[in-house]
Amino acid sequence: MKGRKAVNIGYTFRDQSLLKKALTHISLANECGIESNQRLEFLGDSILSFVVAEHIYHEFKNMDEGRLTEMRAAAVCEKSLAAAAREMDLGSGVRFGKSETVCGGKNKASILADTFEAVLGAIYLDGGMEPARAWILEHLGEIIEHSSKMDFRNYKSEIQTYFQKRDKGTDVVTYRMTGRKGPDHKPEFSVEAVYRGKVIGKGTGGSRKAAEQQAARQALEAL
């Protein structure tokens, strides 16, 4: 099946076949016996990691290696790439097979993120590194800037260390999910942090891990 409409990705291809391939999901490739965007995704993933690493290395000169690694991970994660893809309505241009069309593939974060990387790989092959770099920074620039202000503390580790030092025991803080709501592409998880049977913190987040960190943070702030 063809994409429902042309998507303005902010780059004009000399070789339109590269864009067509970048927007070809594996579900259609399997149905029609054509090449999917997976190889382009592989290429785009490597280019993305390099460009973002180079950019934050030069822009944030006072940050150490650990912080830079966290920033890069936050900027190129599935959530960030999917958000950038949604901004340009990239999902509407992807060519899906029947199975993925029925399943709503154009709204899935994993598919949007993979397609973003595939389009990037296609841009690199079509125009070289400089257009690819410009495209990345155009669509991820704000996300990269935001990641420089993110709190990367590991609250779960901190609360665990606190109790082990205070009580000199082996009891651990555990986490239990108390709820999940929202659509599949934008869920919200609710979690409680529990120590010795007592709820010491509650948190919500777009993933279970994020909710657990928030619960641990609340517990630390209460202490």
N, C-alpha and C. Protein backbone atom coordinates (compact mmCIF):
# COMPACT_ATOMS: atom_id res chain seq x y z
N MET A 1 0.85 -1.20 0.00
CA MET A 1 0.00 0.00 0.00
C MET A 1 0.88 1.24 0.00
N LYS A 2 0.46 2.24 -0.68
CA LYS A 2 1.22 3.47 -0.73
C LYS A 2 0.89 4.35 0.46
N GLY A 3 1.87 5.27 0.77
CA GLY A 3 1.59 6.24 1.81
C GLY A 3 0.41 7.10 1.37
N ARG A 4 -0.30 7.61 2.32
CA ARG A 4 -1.52 8.35 1.97
C ARG A 4 -1.22 9.71 1.37
N LYS A 5 -0.08 10.28 1.71
CA LYS A 5 0.22 11.59 1.15
C LYS A 5 1.72 11.84 1.20
N ALA A 6 2.17 12.81 0.40
CA ALA A 6 3.57 13.18 0.41
C ALA A 6 3.88 13.89 1.72
N VAL A 7 5.08 13.68 2.22
CA VAL A 7 5.47 14.27 3.50
C VAL A 7 6.59 15.27 3.26
N ASN A 8 6.48 16.44 3.83
CA ASN A 8 7.52 17.45 3.70
C ASN A 8 8.56 17.24 4.79
N ILE A 9 9.64 16.57 4.43
CA ILE A 9 10.66 16.25 5.42
C ILE A 9 11.73 17.33 5.52
N GLY A 10 11.66 18.34 4.66
CA GLY A 10 12.63 19.42 4.74
C GLY A 10 13.92 19.14 3.97
N TYR A 11 13.84 18.26 2.99
CA TYR A 11 15.00 17.97 2.14
C TYR A 11 14.49 17.52 0.78
N THR A 12 15.10 18.03 -0.28
CA THR A 12 14.70 17.66 -1.64
C THR A 12 15.67 16.63 -2.20
N PHE A 13 15.17 15.47 -2.50
CA PHE A 13 16.01 14.38 -3.00
C PHE A 13 16.27 14.53 -4.49
N ARG A 14 17.52 14.32 -4.87
CA ARG A 14 17.84 14.20 -6.29
C ARG A 14 17.43 12.82 -6.79
N ASP A 15 17.62 11.82 -5.94
CA ASP A 15 17.24 10.44 -6.27
C ASP A 15 16.00 10.08 -5.45
N GLN A 16 14.85 10.21 -6.05
CA GLN A 16 13.60 9.96 -5.34
C GLN A 16 13.44 8.50 -4.91
N SER A 17 14.17 7.60 -5.57
CA SER A 17 14.06 6.19 -5.19
C SER A 17 14.60 5.95 -3.79
N LEU A 18 15.53 6.76 -3.36
CA LEU A 18 16.07 6.63 -2.00
C LEU A 18 14.99 6.99 -0.97
N LEU A 19 14.26 8.05 -1.22
CA LEU A 19 13.18 8.42 -0.32
C LEU A 19 12.10 7.34 -0.30
N LYS A 20 11.77 6.84 -1.48
CA LYS A 20 10.76 5.78 -1.57
C LYS A 20 11.17 4.57 -0.75
N LYS A 21 12.43 4.21 -0.84
CA LYS A 21 12.93 3.06 -0.08
C LYS A 21 12.92 3.36 1.42
N ALA A 22 13.28 4.58 1.79
CA ALA A 22 13.31 4.96 3.20
C ALA A 22 11.93 4.89 3.84
N LEU A 23 10.90 5.06 3.03
CA LEU A 23 9.53 5.04 3.53
C LEU A 23 8.83 3.70 3.31
N THR A 24 9.61 2.68 2.99
CA THR A 24 9.04 1.35 2.75
C THR A 24 9.23 0.45 3.97
N HIS A 25 8.13 0.19 4.65
CA HIS A 25 8.18 -0.65 5.85
C HIS A 25 8.35 -2.12 5.47
N ILE A 26 8.93 -2.88 6.39
CA ILE A 26 9.19 -4.29 6.14
C ILE A 26 7.91 -5.07 5.82
N SER A 27 6.77 -4.64 6.35
CA SER A 27 5.52 -5.35 6.10
C SER A 27 5.15 -5.30 4.61
N LEU A 28 5.38 -4.17 3.95
CA LEU A 28 5.11 -4.05 2.52
C LEU A 28 6.17 -4.79 1.72
N ALA A 29 7.42 -4.69 2.18
CA ALA A 29 8.51 -5.37 1.48
C ALA A 29 8.27 -6.87 1.43
N ASN A 30 7.80 -7.43 2.53
CA ASN A 30 7.52 -8.87 2.56
C ASN A 30 6.36 -9.25 1.65
N GLU A 31 5.37 -8.39 1.57
CA GLU A 31 4.22 -8.67 0.72
C GLU A 31 4.56 -8.59 -0.77
N CYS A 32 5.41 -7.63 -1.12
CA CYS A 32 5.65 -7.34 -2.54
C CYS A 32 7.01 -7.83 -3.05
N GLY A 33 7.83 -8.38 -2.17
CA GLY A 33 9.13 -8.86 -2.59
C GLY A 33 10.08 -7.75 -2.99
N ILE A 34 10.03 -6.62 -2.26
CA ILE A 34 10.91 -5.49 -2.54
C ILE A 34 11.77 -5.21 -1.32
N GLU A 35 12.71 -4.29 -1.46
CA GLU A 35 13.61 -3.97 -0.35
C GLU A 35 12.94 -3.01 0.62
N SER A 36 13.11 -3.28 1.91
CA SER A 36 12.55 -2.41 2.95
C SER A 36 13.56 -1.32 3.31
N ASN A 37 13.20 -0.52 4.28
CA ASN A 37 14.07 0.58 4.72
C ASN A 37 15.06 0.16 5.80
N GLN A 38 15.18 -1.12 6.09
CA GLN A 38 15.99 -1.55 7.23
C GLN A 38 17.48 -1.27 7.05
N ARG A 39 18.01 -1.45 5.86
CA ARG A 39 19.43 -1.16 5.64
C ARG A 39 19.70 0.34 5.76
N LEU A 40 18.79 1.15 5.27
CA LEU A 40 18.94 2.59 5.43
C LEU A 40 18.85 2.99 6.89
N GLU A 41 17.98 2.32 7.62
CA GLU A 41 17.86 2.57 9.06
C GLU A 41 19.18 2.29 9.76
N PHE A 42 19.81 1.18 9.42
CA PHE A 42 21.12 0.82 9.99
C PHE A 42 22.14 1.92 9.74
N LEU A 43 22.19 2.42 8.52
CA LEU A 43 23.12 3.48 8.18
C LEU A 43 22.79 4.77 8.92
N GLY A 44 21.51 5.13 8.92
CA GLY A 44 21.10 6.36 9.59
C GLY A 44 21.38 6.36 11.07
N ASP A 45 21.23 5.20 11.70
CA ASP A 45 21.49 5.08 13.13
C ASP A 45 22.93 5.46 13.46
N SER A 46 23.87 4.98 12.64
CA SER A 46 25.29 5.27 12.88
C SER A 46 25.60 6.74 12.64
N ILE A 47 25.03 7.31 11.59
CA ILE A 47 25.27 8.72 11.29
C ILE A 47 24.69 9.60 12.40
N LEU A 48 23.50 9.26 12.85
CA LEU A 48 22.83 10.03 13.90
C LEU A 48 23.67 10.07 15.16
N SER A 49 24.15 8.91 15.58
CA SER A 49 24.95 8.83 16.81
C SER A 49 26.21 9.67 16.69
N PHE A 50 26.87 9.59 15.54
CA PHE A 50 28.10 10.36 15.34
C PHE A 50 27.85 11.86 15.35
N VAL A 51 26.85 12.30 14.59
CA VAL A 51 26.59 13.74 14.47
C VAL A 51 26.18 14.35 15.81
N VAL A 52 25.32 13.65 16.53
CA VAL A 52 24.90 14.18 17.83
C VAL A 52 26.08 14.20 18.80
N ALA A 53 26.90 13.16 18.79
CA ALA A 53 28.07 13.12 19.67
C ALA A 53 29.03 14.26 19.34
N GLU A 54 29.28 14.48 18.07
CA GLU A 54 30.18 15.56 17.65
C GLU A 54 29.61 16.91 18.05
N HIS A 55 28.32 17.09 17.85
CA HIS A 55 27.68 18.37 18.15
C HIS A 55 27.76 18.70 19.64
N ILE A 56 27.38 17.75 20.48
CA ILE A 56 27.38 18.06 21.92
C ILE A 56 28.81 18.14 22.47
N TYR A 57 29.75 17.46 21.83
CA TYR A 57 31.16 17.57 22.24
C TYR A 57 31.64 19.01 22.09
N HIS A 58 31.28 19.63 20.97
CA HIS A 58 31.73 21.00 20.72
C HIS A 58 30.88 22.04 21.44
N GLU A 59 29.60 21.78 21.62
CA GLU A 59 28.70 22.77 22.21
C GLU A 59 28.75 22.80 23.73
N PHE A 60 29.05 21.68 24.36
CA PHE A 60 29.01 21.60 25.82
C PHE A 60 30.39 21.21 26.33
N LYS A 61 31.30 22.18 26.29
CA LYS A 61 32.71 21.92 26.54
C LYS A 61 33.02 21.57 28.00
N ASN A 62 32.15 21.94 28.90
CA ASN A 62 32.43 21.70 30.33
C ASN A 62 31.83 20.39 30.85
N MET A 63 31.18 19.63 29.99
CA MET A 63 30.55 18.38 30.43
C MET A 63 31.52 17.22 30.31
N ASP A 64 31.49 16.34 31.29
CA ASP A 64 32.37 15.18 31.24
C ASP A 64 31.78 14.09 30.36
N GLU A 65 32.55 13.01 30.18
CA GLU A 65 32.16 11.94 29.26
C GLU A 65 30.86 11.28 29.67
N GLY A 66 30.66 11.09 30.96
CA GLY A 66 29.44 10.45 31.43
C GLY A 66 28.20 11.26 31.11
N ARG A 67 28.28 12.55 31.35
CA ARG A 67 27.15 13.43 31.07
C ARG A 67 26.86 13.52 29.57
N LEU A 68 27.93 13.58 28.77
CA LEU A 68 27.75 13.63 27.32
C LEU A 68 27.08 12.35 26.82
N THR A 69 27.46 11.23 27.39
CA THR A 69 26.85 9.95 27.00
C THR A 69 25.37 9.94 27.31
N GLU A 70 25.01 10.46 28.48
CA GLU A 70 23.60 10.52 28.86
C GLU A 70 22.82 11.44 27.94
N MET A 71 23.43 12.58 27.60
CA MET A 71 22.78 13.53 26.70
C MET A 71 22.52 12.91 25.34
N ARG A 72 23.54 12.25 24.80
CA ARG A 72 23.37 11.63 23.49
C ARG A 72 22.27 10.57 23.52
N ALA A 73 22.27 9.75 24.56
CA ALA A 73 21.26 8.70 24.67
C ALA A 73 19.86 9.30 24.72
N ALA A 74 19.70 10.40 25.45
CA ALA A 74 18.39 11.03 25.56
C ALA A 74 17.95 11.63 24.23
N ALA A 75 18.90 12.19 23.48
CA ALA A 75 18.58 12.87 22.23
C ALA A 75 18.23 11.90 21.10
N VAL A 76 18.83 10.70 21.12
CA VAL A 76 18.63 9.76 20.00
C VAL A 76 17.75 8.57 20.39
N CYS A 77 17.11 8.64 21.54
CA CYS A 77 16.26 7.53 21.98
C CYS A 77 15.00 7.47 21.12
N GLU A 78 14.29 6.36 21.23
CA GLU A 78 13.08 6.15 20.44
C GLU A 78 12.06 7.27 20.66
N LYS A 79 11.89 7.68 21.89
CA LYS A 79 10.91 8.71 22.21
C LYS A 79 11.23 10.02 21.49
N SER A 80 12.51 10.41 21.49
CA SER A 80 12.91 11.66 20.86
C SER A 80 12.75 11.61 19.35
N LEU A 81 13.17 10.50 18.75
CA LEU A 81 13.07 10.37 17.30
C LEU A 81 11.61 10.30 16.85
N ALA A 82 10.79 9.60 17.62
CA ALA A 82 9.37 9.51 17.28
C ALA A 82 8.71 10.88 17.36
N ALA A 83 9.09 11.67 18.37
CA ALA A 83 8.53 13.02 18.50
C ALA A 83 8.90 13.88 17.30
N ALA A 84 10.16 13.79 16.86
CA ALA A 84 10.60 14.55 15.69
C ALA A 84 9.87 14.08 14.44
N ALA A 85 9.66 12.77 14.33
CA ALA A 85 8.94 12.22 13.18
C ALA A 85 7.50 12.69 13.15
N ARG A 86 6.87 12.77 14.31
CA ARG A 86 5.47 13.23 14.37
C ARG A 86 5.37 14.71 13.98
N GLU A 87 6.39 15.49 14.29
CA GLU A 87 6.37 16.91 13.94
C GLU A 87 6.25 17.11 12.44
N MET A 88 6.87 16.21 11.66
CA MET A 88 6.79 16.32 10.21
C MET A 88 5.76 15.37 9.61
N ASP A 89 4.96 14.74 10.48
CA ASP A 89 3.92 13.80 10.04
C ASP A 89 4.50 12.70 9.17
N LEU A 90 5.65 12.20 9.58
CA LEU A 90 6.37 11.21 8.78
C LEU A 90 5.58 9.92 8.62
N GLY A 91 4.82 9.56 9.63
CA GLY A 91 4.06 8.32 9.57
C GLY A 91 3.09 8.24 8.42
N SER A 92 2.56 9.40 8.00
CA SER A 92 1.59 9.41 6.91
C SER A 92 2.22 9.10 5.56
N GLY A 93 3.52 9.20 5.49
CA GLY A 93 4.20 8.92 4.23
C GLY A 93 4.75 7.51 4.12
N VAL A 94 4.73 6.76 5.22
CA VAL A 94 5.30 5.42 5.20
C VAL A 94 4.39 4.47 4.42
N ARG A 95 5.01 3.62 3.62
CA ARG A 95 4.26 2.63 2.83
C ARG A 95 4.22 1.32 3.61
N PHE A 96 3.05 0.95 4.07
CA PHE A 96 2.86 -0.25 4.88
C PHE A 96 2.19 -1.36 4.09
N GLY A 97 2.41 -2.59 4.54
CA GLY A 97 1.63 -3.71 4.05
C GLY A 97 0.29 -3.73 4.77
N LYS A 98 -0.57 -4.64 4.37
CA LYS A 98 -1.92 -4.70 4.93
C LYS A 98 -1.91 -4.94 6.43
N SER A 99 -1.03 -5.84 6.90
CA SER A 99 -1.03 -6.20 8.32
C SER A 99 -0.71 -5.00 9.20
N GLU A 100 0.32 -4.24 8.83
CA GLU A 100 0.73 -3.11 9.66
C GLU A 100 -0.21 -1.93 9.50
N THR A 101 -0.85 -1.81 8.37
CA THR A 101 -1.84 -0.74 8.19
C THR A 101 -3.00 -0.94 9.16
N VAL A 102 -3.44 -2.17 9.27
CA VAL A 102 -4.54 -2.49 10.18
C VAL A 102 -4.14 -2.23 11.63
N CYS A 103 -2.87 -2.49 11.95
CA CYS A 103 -2.39 -2.34 13.33
C CYS A 103 -2.04 -0.89 13.68
N GLY A 104 -2.22 0.03 12.74
CA GLY A 104 -1.93 1.43 13.03
C GLY A 104 -0.46 1.75 13.11
N GLY A 105 0.32 1.16 12.22
CA GLY A 105 1.77 1.33 12.25
C GLY A 105 2.24 2.76 12.18
N LYS A 106 1.49 3.62 11.50
CA LYS A 106 1.95 5.00 11.32
C LYS A 106 2.00 5.80 12.62
N ASN A 107 1.39 5.25 13.67
CA ASN A 107 1.40 5.94 14.97
C ASN A 107 2.35 5.30 15.99
N LYS A 108 2.99 4.20 15.62
CA LYS A 108 3.84 3.49 16.56
C LYS A 108 5.19 4.19 16.70
N ALA A 109 5.59 4.43 17.94
CA ALA A 109 6.84 5.15 18.19
C ALA A 109 8.04 4.42 17.61
N SER A 110 8.06 3.09 17.73
CA SER A 110 9.21 2.33 17.23
C SER A 110 9.35 2.47 15.72
N ILE A 111 8.24 2.43 15.01
CA ILE A 111 8.27 2.55 13.55
C ILE A 111 8.64 3.97 13.14
N LEU A 112 8.11 4.95 13.83
CA LEU A 112 8.44 6.34 13.51
C LEU A 112 9.93 6.61 13.73
N ALA A 113 10.48 6.09 14.82
CA ALA A 113 11.90 6.29 15.11
C ALA A 113 12.76 5.60 14.05
N ASP A 114 12.39 4.37 13.69
CA ASP A 114 13.15 3.64 12.67
C ASP A 114 13.09 4.35 11.32
N THR A 115 11.92 4.90 10.99
CA THR A 115 11.77 5.60 9.72
C THR A 115 12.58 6.88 9.70
N PHE A 116 12.63 7.58 10.82
CA PHE A 116 13.46 8.78 10.93
C PHE A 116 14.91 8.44 10.58
N GLU A 117 15.40 7.36 11.14
CA GLU A 117 16.78 6.94 10.87
C GLU A 117 16.96 6.53 9.42
N ALA A 118 15.96 5.86 8.84
CA ALA A 118 16.05 5.44 7.45
C ALA A 118 16.09 6.65 6.51
N VAL A 119 15.26 7.65 6.78
CA VAL A 119 15.27 8.86 5.97
C VAL A 119 16.62 9.56 6.08
N LEU A 120 17.17 9.58 7.28
CA LEU A 120 18.49 10.18 7.48
C LEU A 120 19.54 9.44 6.64
N GLY A 121 19.49 8.11 6.66
CA GLY A 121 20.43 7.35 5.84
C GLY A 121 20.29 7.67 4.36
N ALA A 122 19.05 7.84 3.92
CA ALA A 122 18.79 8.18 2.52
C ALA A 122 19.33 9.57 2.18
N ILE A 123 19.16 10.51 3.08
CA ILE A 123 19.68 11.87 2.85
C ILE A 123 21.20 11.84 2.73
N TYR A 124 21.84 11.06 3.58
CA TYR A 124 23.30 10.94 3.52
C TYR A 124 23.76 10.39 2.18
N LEU A 125 23.11 9.34 1.71
CA LEU A 125 23.49 8.75 0.43
C LEU A 125 23.20 9.69 -0.73
N ASP A 126 22.15 10.49 -0.60
CA ASP A 126 21.75 11.39 -1.68
C ASP A 126 22.60 12.65 -1.72
N GLY A 127 22.94 13.20 -0.56
CA GLY A 127 23.60 14.50 -0.54
C GLY A 127 24.89 14.59 0.24
N GLY A 128 25.21 13.56 1.02
CA GLY A 128 26.44 13.59 1.80
C GLY A 128 26.21 13.99 3.25
N MET A 129 27.33 14.16 3.96
CA MET A 129 27.26 14.40 5.40
C MET A 129 26.69 15.75 5.77
N GLU A 130 27.01 16.78 5.04
CA GLU A 130 26.56 18.12 5.45
C GLU A 130 25.04 18.27 5.42
N PRO A 131 24.35 17.84 4.37
CA PRO A 131 22.88 17.87 4.42
C PRO A 131 22.32 16.99 5.53
N ALA A 132 22.96 15.84 5.75
CA ALA A 132 22.50 14.95 6.82
C ALA A 132 22.66 15.63 8.18
N ARG A 133 23.79 16.27 8.39
CA ARG A 133 24.04 16.98 9.65
C ARG A 133 23.02 18.10 9.85
N ALA A 134 22.80 18.87 8.81
CA ALA A 134 21.85 19.99 8.90
C ALA A 134 20.45 19.48 9.21
N TRP A 135 20.06 18.37 8.60
CA TRP A 135 18.72 17.81 8.82
C TRP A 135 18.56 17.34 10.26
N ILE A 136 19.58 16.69 10.78
CA ILE A 136 19.54 16.22 12.17
C ILE A 136 19.36 17.40 13.12
N LEU A 137 20.18 18.41 12.96
CA LEU A 137 20.13 19.54 13.89
C LEU A 137 18.85 20.35 13.73
N GLU A 138 18.30 20.37 12.53
CA GLU A 138 17.03 21.07 12.33
C GLU A 138 15.91 20.39 13.11
N HIS A 139 15.88 19.07 13.06
CA HIS A 139 14.76 18.34 13.66
C HIS A 139 15.01 17.90 15.10
N LEU A 140 16.26 17.85 15.52
CA LEU A 140 16.57 17.41 16.89
C LEU A 140 17.26 18.49 17.71
N GLY A 141 17.46 19.66 17.13
CA GLY A 141 18.18 20.72 17.85
C GLY A 141 17.56 21.07 19.18
N GLU A 142 16.25 21.26 19.21
CA GLU A 142 15.58 21.61 20.46
C GLU A 142 15.63 20.47 21.46
N ILE A 143 15.52 19.25 20.96
CA ILE A 143 15.58 18.08 21.83
C ILE A 143 16.97 17.96 22.45
N ILE A 144 18.01 18.21 21.65
CA ILE A 144 19.37 18.16 22.17
C ILE A 144 19.56 19.23 23.25
N GLU A 145 19.07 20.42 22.97
CA GLU A 145 19.19 21.51 23.95
C GLU A 145 18.46 21.15 25.24
N HIS A 146 17.27 20.57 25.09
CA HIS A 146 16.50 20.16 26.26
C HIS A 146 17.23 19.09 27.06
N SER A 147 17.89 18.18 26.34
CA SER A 147 18.59 17.10 27.03
C SER A 147 19.74 17.62 27.89
N SER A 148 20.28 18.80 27.54
CA SER A 148 21.38 19.36 28.33
C SER A 148 20.90 19.83 29.70
N LYS A 149 19.59 20.00 29.84
CA LYS A 149 19.03 20.48 31.10
C LYS A 149 18.33 19.38 31.88
N MET A 150 18.34 18.17 31.33
CA MET A 150 17.65 17.06 31.97
C MET A 150 18.37 16.60 33.23
N ASP A 151 17.58 16.05 34.14
CA ASP A 151 18.12 15.51 35.38
C ASP A 151 18.41 14.03 35.17
N PHE A 152 19.71 13.69 35.18
CA PHE A 152 20.09 12.30 34.93
C PHE A 152 20.46 11.55 36.21
N ARG A 153 20.11 12.09 37.35
CA ARG A 153 20.41 11.38 38.59
C ARG A 153 19.67 10.05 38.64
N ASN A 154 20.32 9.05 39.20
CA ASN A 154 19.70 7.73 39.36
C ASN A 154 19.11 7.67 40.76
N TYR A 155 17.86 8.10 40.87
CA TYR A 155 17.21 8.16 42.18
C TYR A 155 16.99 6.77 42.78
N LYS A 156 16.78 5.79 41.94
CA LYS A 156 16.58 4.43 42.45
C LYS A 156 17.84 3.94 43.15
N SER A 157 18.98 4.21 42.57
CA SER A 157 20.24 3.81 43.19
C SER A 157 20.49 4.59 44.47
N GLU A 158 20.15 5.88 44.45
CA GLU A 158 20.39 6.72 45.63
C GLU A 158 19.53 6.30 46.82
N ILE A 159 18.25 6.01 46.56
CA ILE A 159 17.37 5.63 47.67
C ILE A 159 17.78 4.27 48.23
N GLN A 160 18.25 3.39 47.35
CA GLN A 160 18.70 2.08 47.81
C GLN A 160 19.93 2.22 48.71
N THR A 161 20.87 3.04 48.26
CA THR A 161 22.09 3.26 49.05
C THR A 161 21.77 3.90 50.39
N TYR A 162 20.82 4.83 50.39
CA TYR A 162 20.44 5.51 51.63
C TYR A 162 19.95 4.52 52.68
N PHE A 163 19.03 3.65 52.30
CA PHE A 163 18.47 2.72 53.28
C PHE A 163 19.49 1.66 53.72
N GLN A 164 20.32 1.23 52.81
CA GLN A 164 21.32 0.23 53.18
C GLN A 164 22.33 0.79 54.16
N LYS A 165 22.69 2.07 53.98
CA LYS A 165 23.62 2.70 54.92
C LYS A 165 22.93 2.99 56.26
N ARG A 166 21.68 3.46 56.19
CA ARG A 166 20.97 3.83 57.41
C ARG A 166 20.64 2.62 58.27
N ASP A 167 20.13 1.58 57.63
CA ASP A 167 19.66 0.42 58.39
C ASP A 167 20.70 -0.70 58.48
N LYS A 168 21.78 -0.55 57.73
CA LYS A 168 22.85 -1.56 57.73
C LYS A 168 22.29 -2.97 57.53
N GLY A 169 21.35 -3.08 56.61
CA GLY A 169 20.72 -4.37 56.32
C GLY A 169 20.73 -4.66 54.84
N THR A 170 20.02 -5.68 54.48
CA THR A 170 19.98 -6.10 53.08
C THR A 170 18.61 -5.88 52.45
N ASP A 171 17.68 -5.27 53.21
CA ASP A 171 16.36 -5.00 52.64
C ASP A 171 16.49 -4.04 51.46
N VAL A 172 15.67 -4.27 50.44
CA VAL A 172 15.75 -3.43 49.24
C VAL A 172 14.42 -2.73 49.00
N VAL A 173 14.51 -1.63 48.29
CA VAL A 173 13.30 -0.92 47.87
C VAL A 173 12.77 -1.63 46.63
N THR A 174 11.49 -1.93 46.63
CA THR A 174 10.87 -2.58 45.48
C THR A 174 9.85 -1.63 44.86
N TYR A 175 9.44 -1.95 43.65
CA TYR A 175 8.52 -1.09 42.92
C TYR A 175 7.37 -1.92 42.37
N ARG A 176 6.16 -1.40 42.52
CA ARG A 176 5.00 -2.11 41.99
C ARG A 176 4.16 -1.15 41.15
N MET A 177 3.75 -1.64 40.00
CA MET A 177 2.93 -0.82 39.11
C MET A 177 1.50 -0.80 39.61
N THR A 178 0.93 0.38 39.72
CA THR A 178 -0.43 0.52 40.23
C THR A 178 -1.42 0.92 39.15
N GLY A 179 -0.91 1.28 37.97
CA GLY A 179 -1.84 1.67 36.91
C GLY A 179 -1.14 1.95 35.60
N ARG A 180 -1.91 1.86 34.53
CA ARG A 180 -1.41 2.20 33.19
C ARG A 180 -2.60 2.75 32.40
N LYS A 181 -2.42 3.92 31.81
CA LYS A 181 -3.50 4.50 31.03
C LYS A 181 -2.92 5.18 29.79
N GLY A 182 -3.82 5.61 28.93
CA GLY A 182 -3.39 6.27 27.71
C GLY A 182 -3.26 5.31 26.56
N PRO A 183 -3.14 5.84 25.32
CA PRO A 183 -3.00 4.98 24.14
C PRO A 183 -1.63 4.31 24.10
N ASP A 184 -1.50 3.30 23.26
CA ASP A 184 -0.25 2.55 23.18
C ASP A 184 0.94 3.43 22.80
N HIS A 185 0.72 4.42 21.94
CA HIS A 185 1.84 5.25 21.51
C HIS A 185 2.19 6.34 22.52
N LYS A 186 1.35 6.51 23.57
CA LYS A 186 1.66 7.52 24.58
C LYS A 186 1.09 7.06 25.93
N PRO A 187 1.65 5.99 26.47
CA PRO A 187 1.12 5.47 27.74
C PRO A 187 1.61 6.27 28.94
N GLU A 188 0.92 6.10 30.06
CA GLU A 188 1.35 6.70 31.32
C GLU A 188 1.27 5.63 32.40
N PHE A 189 2.39 5.36 33.03
CA PHE A 189 2.47 4.33 34.06
C PHE A 189 2.49 4.98 35.44
N SER A 190 1.85 4.31 36.40
CA SER A 190 1.87 4.75 37.80
C SER A 190 2.54 3.66 38.63
N VAL A 191 3.45 4.09 39.51
CA VAL A 191 4.26 3.14 40.27
C VAL A 191 4.40 3.61 41.71
N GLU A 192 4.49 2.66 42.63
CA GLU A 192 4.78 2.95 44.03
C GLU A 192 6.12 2.34 44.41
N ALA A 193 6.89 3.10 45.19
CA ALA A 193 8.13 2.58 45.77
C ALA A 193 7.80 2.06 47.16
N VAL A 194 8.23 0.85 47.46
CA VAL A 194 7.87 0.20 48.73
C VAL A 194 9.13 -0.25 49.46
N TYR A 195 9.18 0.06 50.75
CA TYR A 195 10.30 -0.38 51.60
C TYR A 195 9.74 -0.98 52.88
N ARG A 196 10.08 -2.22 53.11
CA ARG A 196 9.59 -2.95 54.28
C ARG A 196 8.07 -2.88 54.40
N GLY A 197 7.41 -3.03 53.26
CA GLY A 197 5.95 -3.09 53.23
C GLY A 197 5.26 -1.75 53.26
N LYS A 198 6.01 -0.67 53.33
CA LYS A 198 5.43 0.67 53.40
C LYS A 198 5.69 1.44 52.10
N VAL A 199 4.65 2.12 51.61
CA VAL A 199 4.81 2.95 50.42
C VAL A 199 5.57 4.22 50.80
N ILE A 200 6.71 4.44 50.17
CA ILE A 200 7.54 5.59 50.52
C ILE A 200 7.58 6.64 49.41
N GLY A 201 7.02 6.31 48.27
CA GLY A 201 7.01 7.27 47.17
C GLY A 201 6.13 6.79 46.03
N LYS A 202 5.59 7.75 45.28
CA LYS A 202 4.76 7.43 44.11
C LYS A 202 5.25 8.23 42.91
N GLY A 203 5.10 7.64 41.73
CA GLY A 203 5.55 8.35 40.54
C GLY A 203 4.79 7.93 39.30
N THR A 204 4.81 8.79 38.31
CA THR A 204 4.20 8.48 37.01
C THR A 204 5.22 8.79 35.93
N GLY A 205 5.05 8.16 34.76
CA GLY A 205 5.97 8.41 33.66
C GLY A 205 5.53 7.71 32.40
N GLY A 206 6.18 8.07 31.30
CA GLY A 206 5.85 7.49 30.02
C GLY A 206 6.34 6.07 29.84
N SER A 207 7.17 5.60 30.76
CA SER A 207 7.59 4.21 30.80
C SER A 207 7.62 3.78 32.25
N ARG A 208 7.65 2.46 32.47
CA ARG A 208 7.69 1.98 33.85
C ARG A 208 8.97 2.44 34.54
N LYS A 209 10.08 2.41 33.83
CA LYS A 209 11.36 2.84 34.42
C LYS A 209 11.32 4.31 34.83
N ALA A 210 10.73 5.14 33.98
CA ALA A 210 10.63 6.56 34.31
C ALA A 210 9.75 6.77 35.53
N ALA A 211 8.67 6.02 35.62
CA ALA A 211 7.77 6.14 36.77
C ALA A 211 8.47 5.69 38.04
N GLU A 212 9.28 4.64 37.95
CA GLU A 212 10.02 4.17 39.12
C GLU A 212 11.02 5.21 39.59
N GLN A 213 11.68 5.89 38.64
CA GLN A 213 12.61 6.95 39.02
C GLN A 213 11.89 8.09 39.74
N GLN A 214 10.71 8.43 39.28
CA GLN A 214 9.94 9.49 39.92
C GLN A 214 9.50 9.08 41.32
N ALA A 215 9.13 7.82 41.48
CA ALA A 215 8.74 7.34 42.80
C ALA A 215 9.92 7.39 43.76
N ALA A 216 11.09 6.99 43.28
CA ALA A 216 12.30 7.03 44.10
C ALA A 216 12.67 8.47 44.44
N ARG A 217 12.49 9.35 43.48
CA ARG A 217 12.80 10.78 43.72
C ARG A 217 11.89 11.35 44.80
N GLN A 218 10.59 11.03 44.73
CA GLN A 218 9.67 11.52 45.74
C GLN A 218 10.06 10.99 47.13
N ALA A 219 10.47 9.72 47.17
CA ALA A 219 10.87 9.13 48.45
C ALA A 219 12.10 9.86 49.01
N LEU A 220 13.05 10.16 48.15
CA LEU A 220 14.26 10.87 48.60
C LEU A 220 13.92 12.28 49.11
N GLU A 221 13.05 12.96 48.39
CA GLU A 221 12.68 14.32 48.80
C GLU A 221 11.95 14.32 50.14
N ALA A 222 11.16 13.26 50.37
CA ALA A 222 10.46 13.16 51.66
C ALA A 222 11.43 12.93 52.81
N LEU A 223 12.56 12.32 52.51
CA LEU A 223 13.55 12.04 53.54
C LEU A 223 14.44 13.25 53.83
